[in-house]
Amino acid sequence: MNCWNCAKKIELVAGMDRVGFRDDCPGCGRALHACRNCGFFDPAYNNSCRETMAERVVDKERFNFCEYFMPGDAAVGPAANPKAGAQSKLEALFRKKS
């Protein structure tokens, strides 16, 4: 798996290694057992989770005690700031043409 924050590769042996509830990334120190590192994490779904039985987790970047956690296979990177993206699109739309 890769850390969602710094994309550092975390070696896990399939079926043998588990990500502990309070394990940290050796690269950046962020929580590994967090929604952003989970294979079920998907912002397009309700509660950003494809697992329908999982309980709601408010902060997707902090550790949690979700029993459905499954290490994800790709780093998704830090959360984008939607306000900054919208602002830049508006500025591009209403920019005066010279």
C-alpha atoms as a PDB file:
ATOM      1  CA  MET A   1       0.000   0.000   0.000  1.00  0.00           C
ATOM      2  CA  ASN A   2       1.002   3.641  -0.333  1.00  0.00           C
ATOM      3  CA  CYS A   3       0.551   6.416   2.223  1.00  0.00           C
ATOM      4  CA  TRP A   4      -2.269   8.731   1.150  1.00  0.00           C
ATOM      5  CA  ASN A   5      -0.325  11.806   2.253  1.00  0.00           C
ATOM      6  CA  CYS A   6       3.280  11.305   1.082  1.00  0.00           C
ATOM      7  CA  ALA A   7       2.833   8.319  -1.296  1.00  0.00           C
ATOM      8  CA  LYS A   8       5.561   6.354   0.535  1.00  0.00           C
ATOM      9  CA  LYS A   9       5.329   2.652  -0.243  1.00  0.00           C
ATOM     10  CA  ILE A  10       4.417   0.581   2.838  1.00  0.00           C
ATOM     11  CA  GLU A  11       5.323  -3.086   2.488  1.00  0.00           C
ATOM     12  CA  LEU A  12       2.627  -5.483   3.701  1.00  0.00           C
ATOM     13  CA  VAL A  13       2.703  -9.250   3.296  1.00  0.00           C
ATOM     14  CA  ALA A  14      -0.709 -10.392   2.046  1.00  0.00           C
ATOM     15  CA  GLY A  15      -2.603 -12.288   4.719  1.00  0.00           C
ATOM     16  CA  MET A  16       0.122 -11.860   7.348  1.00  0.00           C
ATOM     17  CA  ASP A  17       0.597  -8.149   8.046  1.00  0.00           C
ATOM     18  CA  ARG A  18      -2.185  -5.976   9.352  1.00  0.00           C
ATOM     19  CA  VAL A  19      -2.249  -2.223   9.693  1.00  0.00           C
ATOM     20  CA  GLY A  20      -2.660  -1.433  13.384  1.00  0.00           C
ATOM     21  CA  PHE A  21      -5.173   1.127  14.575  1.00  0.00           C
ATOM     22  CA  ARG A  22      -2.417   3.509  15.671  1.00  0.00           C
ATOM     23  CA  ASP A  23       0.293   2.726  13.098  1.00  0.00           C
ATOM     24  CA  ASP A  24       1.984   5.764  11.554  1.00  0.00           C
ATOM     25  CA  CYS A  25       3.625   6.263   8.175  1.00  0.00           C
ATOM     26  CA  PRO A  26       7.422   6.111   8.478  1.00  0.00           C
ATOM     27  CA  GLY A  27       7.681   8.874   5.862  1.00  0.00           C
ATOM     28  CA  CYS A  28       5.355  11.586   7.119  1.00  0.00           C
ATOM     29  CA  GLY A  29       4.020  10.350  10.467  1.00  0.00           C
ATOM     30  CA  ARG A  30       0.349  10.420   9.407  1.00  0.00           C
ATOM     31  CA  ALA A  31      -2.056   7.659  10.479  1.00  0.00           C
ATOM     32  CA  LEU A  32      -2.045   4.552   8.273  1.00  0.00           C
ATOM     33  CA  HIS A  33      -5.330   3.104   9.588  1.00  0.00           C
ATOM     34  CA  ALA A  34      -7.355   6.008   8.171  1.00  0.00           C
ATOM     35  CA  CYS A  35     -10.145   6.174   5.619  1.00  0.00           C
ATOM     36  CA  ARG A  36      -7.877   7.871   3.069  1.00  0.00           C
ATOM     37  CA  ASN A  37      -5.645   4.726   3.049  1.00  0.00           C
ATOM     38  CA  CYS A  38      -8.530   2.271   2.807  1.00  0.00           C
ATOM     39  CA  GLY A  39      -9.424   0.360  -0.339  1.00  0.00           C
ATOM     40  CA  PHE A  40     -13.096   1.180   0.297  1.00  0.00           C
ATOM     41  CA  PHE A  41     -12.471   4.965   0.349  1.00  0.00           C
ATOM     42  CA  ASP A  42     -14.300   6.679  -2.513  1.00  0.00           C
ATOM     43  CA  PRO A  43     -15.493  10.312  -2.274  1.00  0.00           C
ATOM     44  CA  ALA A  44     -18.265   9.582  -4.796  1.00  0.00           C
ATOM     45  CA  TYR A  45     -20.094   7.331  -2.300  1.00  0.00           C
ATOM     46  CA  ASN A  46     -22.154   8.177   0.775  1.00  0.00           C
ATOM     47  CA  ASN A  47     -19.794   8.815   3.697  1.00  0.00           C
ATOM     48  CA  SER A  48     -16.935   8.450   1.151  1.00  0.00           C
ATOM     49  CA  CYS A  49     -17.013   4.679   1.690  1.00  0.00           C
ATOM     50  CA  ARG A  50     -18.023   1.828  -0.624  1.00  0.00           C
ATOM     51  CA  GLU A  51     -18.550  -0.510   2.391  1.00  0.00           C
ATOM     52  CA  THR A  52     -22.233  -0.123   3.250  1.00  0.00           C
ATOM     53  CA  MET A  53     -21.942  -1.645   6.734  1.00  0.00           C
ATOM     54  CA  ALA A  54     -19.127   0.642   7.953  1.00  0.00           C
ATOM     55  CA  GLU A  55     -19.964   3.216  10.593  1.00  0.00           C
ATOM     56  CA  ARG A  56     -19.632   6.900   9.744  1.00  0.00           C
ATOM     57  CA  VAL A  57     -16.164   8.396  10.235  1.00  0.00           C
ATOM     58  CA  VAL A  58     -16.062  12.196  10.279  1.00  0.00           C
ATOM     59  CA  ASP A  59     -12.327  12.859   9.860  1.00  0.00           C
ATOM     60  CA  LYS A  60     -11.073  10.678   6.994  1.00  0.00           C
ATOM     61  CA  GLU A  61      -7.416  11.570   7.612  1.00  0.00           C
ATOM     62  CA  ARG A  62      -7.142  10.521  11.293  1.00  0.00           C
ATOM     63  CA  PHE A  63      -6.858   6.993  12.646  1.00  0.00           C
ATOM     64  CA  ASN A  64     -10.099   5.159  13.355  1.00  0.00           C
ATOM     65  CA  PHE A  65     -11.297   1.821  14.649  1.00  0.00           C
ATOM     66  CA  CYS A  66     -13.156   0.686  11.524  1.00  0.00           C
ATOM     67  CA  GLU A  67     -13.137  -3.114  11.338  1.00  0.00           C
ATOM     68  CA  TYR A  68     -13.705  -3.032   7.559  1.00  0.00           C
ATOM     69  CA  PHE A  69     -10.369  -1.315   6.857  1.00  0.00           C
ATOM     70  CA  MET A  70      -8.568  -2.839   3.890  1.00  0.00           C
ATOM     71  CA  PRO A  71      -5.229  -1.358   2.739  1.00  0.00           C
ATOM     72  CA  GLY A  72      -5.686   0.580  -0.486  1.00  0.00           C
ATOM     73  CA  ASP A  73      -3.467  -0.044  -3.482  1.00  0.00           C
ATOM     74  CA  ALA A  74      -2.850   3.517  -4.645  1.00  0.00           C
ATOM     75  CA  ALA A  75      -1.995   6.835  -3.041  1.00  0.00           C
ATOM     76  CA  VAL A  76      -4.730   9.392  -3.540  1.00  0.00           C
ATOM     77  CA  GLY A  77      -2.753  12.416  -2.356  1.00  0.00           C
ATOM     78  CA  PRO A  78      -3.779  15.160   0.044  1.00  0.00           C
ATOM     79  CA  ALA A  79      -7.325  16.459  -0.117  1.00  0.00           C
ATOM     80  CA  ALA A  80      -7.747  19.227  -2.661  1.00  0.00           C
ATOM     81  CA  ASN A  81      -9.150  22.576  -1.580  1.00  0.00           C
ATOM     82  CA  PRO A  82     -12.461  22.839  -3.498  1.00  0.00           C
ATOM     83  CA  LYS A  83     -12.773  26.566  -2.780  1.00  0.00           C
ATOM     84  CA  ALA A  84      -9.415  27.339  -4.436  1.00  0.00           C
ATOM     85  CA  GLY A  85     -10.336  25.269  -7.485  1.00  0.00           C
ATOM     86  CA  ALA A  86     -13.707  26.979  -7.845  1.00  0.00           C
ATOM     87  CA  GLN A  87     -12.127  30.413  -7.412  1.00  0.00           C
ATOM     88  CA  SER A  88      -9.574  29.801 -10.164  1.00  0.00           C
ATOM     89  CA  LYS A  89     -12.314  28.566 -12.532  1.00  0.00           C
ATOM     90  CA  LEU A  90     -14.385  31.683 -11.882  1.00  0.00           C
ATOM     91  CA  GLU A  91     -11.402  33.946 -12.479  1.00  0.00           C
ATOM     92  CA  ALA A  92     -10.658  32.170 -15.761  1.00  0.00           C
ATOM     93  CA  LEU A  93     -14.308  32.474 -16.835  1.00  0.00           C
ATOM     94  CA  PHE A  94     -14.628  36.208 -16.128  1.00  0.00           C
ATOM     95  CA  ARG A  95     -11.113  37.270 -17.126  1.00  0.00           C
ATOM     96  CA  LYS A  96     -11.026  40.178 -19.600  1.00  0.00           C
ATOM     97  CA  LYS A  97      -9.719  39.217 -22.988  1.00  0.00           C
ATOM     98  CA  SER A  98      -7.070  41.523 -24.390  1.00  0.00           C
END
